[in-house]
């Protein structure tokens, strides 16, 4: 078993669309698209592609480690 996942940077499936939660919104009106490519049993996205429109939100990660590779923007 390997922990490495191949990320499809141009997915052909429809994304899950969402907006910033009001309690996390700092500025603007950002919206998000998420293409999950690997999910945990609880529905948490472990690997995928995420896209956002301009805006500023407060991120709450707690003990979660996150690796992010910016493709553009």
Protein backbone atom coordinates (compact mmCIF):
# COMPACT_ATOMS: atom_id res chain seq x y z
CA UNK A 1 0.00 0.00 0.00
CA UNK A 2 1.24 3.47 -0.82
CA UNK A 3 0.29 6.83 0.65
CA UNK A 4 1.07 8.62 -2.62
CA UNK A 5 -1.91 9.75 -4.70
CA UNK A 6 -1.92 10.92 -8.31
CA UNK A 7 -3.76 14.23 -8.57
CA UNK A 8 -5.76 14.78 -11.74
CA UNK A 9 -5.28 18.53 -12.27
CA UNK A 10 -7.97 18.82 -14.96
CA UNK A 11 -10.82 16.59 -13.71
CA UNK A 12 -13.71 15.81 -16.06
CA UNK A 13 -16.29 15.26 -13.30
CA UNK A 14 -18.61 17.96 -11.95
CA UNK A 15 -17.29 19.74 -8.85
CA UNK A 16 -19.02 20.19 -5.50
CA UNK A 17 -19.80 23.92 -5.26
CA UNK A 18 -20.01 25.91 -2.02
CA UNK A 19 -19.78 29.40 -0.53
CA UNK A 20 -17.81 30.68 2.45
CA UNK A 21 -19.47 30.12 5.82
CA UNK A 22 -20.60 33.49 7.29
CA UNK A 23 -18.62 32.93 10.52
CA UNK A 24 -15.41 32.42 8.50
CA UNK A 25 -15.89 35.24 5.96
CA UNK A 26 -13.42 38.12 6.28
CA UNK A 27 -13.77 39.96 2.94
CA UNK A 28 -15.39 39.59 -0.48
CA UNK A 29 -17.85 36.90 -1.54
CA UNK A 30 -15.72 33.86 -2.44
CA UNK A 31 -17.19 30.69 -3.88
CA UNK A 32 -15.45 27.33 -4.05
CA UNK A 33 -15.37 24.29 -6.31
CA UNK A 34 -13.99 21.00 -5.05
CA UNK A 35 -13.16 17.96 -7.16
CA UNK A 36 -12.63 15.21 -4.57
CA UNK A 37 -10.35 12.45 -5.81
CA UNK A 38 -9.87 10.54 -2.54
CA UNK A 39 -12.24 10.78 0.43
CA UNK A 40 -12.16 9.31 3.93
CA UNK A 41 -15.14 7.28 5.16
CA UNK A 42 -16.48 10.39 6.94
CA UNK A 43 -16.56 12.32 3.63
CA UNK A 44 -13.45 14.39 4.34
CA UNK A 45 -11.52 15.14 1.16
CA UNK A 46 -7.98 13.81 1.43
CA UNK A 47 -6.85 14.43 -2.16
CA UNK A 48 -8.38 16.63 -4.81
CA UNK A 49 -8.45 19.91 -6.69
CA UNK A 50 -9.89 23.05 -5.14
CA UNK A 51 -10.73 26.32 -6.90
CA UNK A 52 -11.79 29.62 -5.32
CA UNK A 53 -12.90 33.04 -6.52
CA UNK A 54 -11.33 36.13 -4.89
CA UNK A 55 -12.10 36.74 -1.24
CA UNK A 56 -10.70 36.17 2.22
CA UNK A 57 -11.81 33.53 4.72
CA UNK A 58 -10.56 32.26 8.07
CA UNK A 59 -9.25 28.69 7.81
CA UNK A 60 -9.68 26.38 10.79
CA UNK A 61 -7.40 23.36 10.55
CA UNK A 62 -6.79 22.36 14.18
CA UNK A 63 -4.41 19.40 14.21
CA UNK A 64 -4.80 18.72 10.47
CA UNK A 65 -1.71 18.92 8.26
CA UNK A 66 -2.42 20.25 4.79
CA UNK A 67 -0.18 20.35 1.74
CA UNK A 68 -1.22 22.82 -0.94
CA UNK A 69 0.36 23.21 -4.37
CA UNK A 70 -0.82 26.36 -6.20
CA UNK A 71 -1.43 25.60 -9.89
CA UNK A 72 -2.30 29.16 -10.94
CA UNK A 73 -3.56 32.50 -9.69
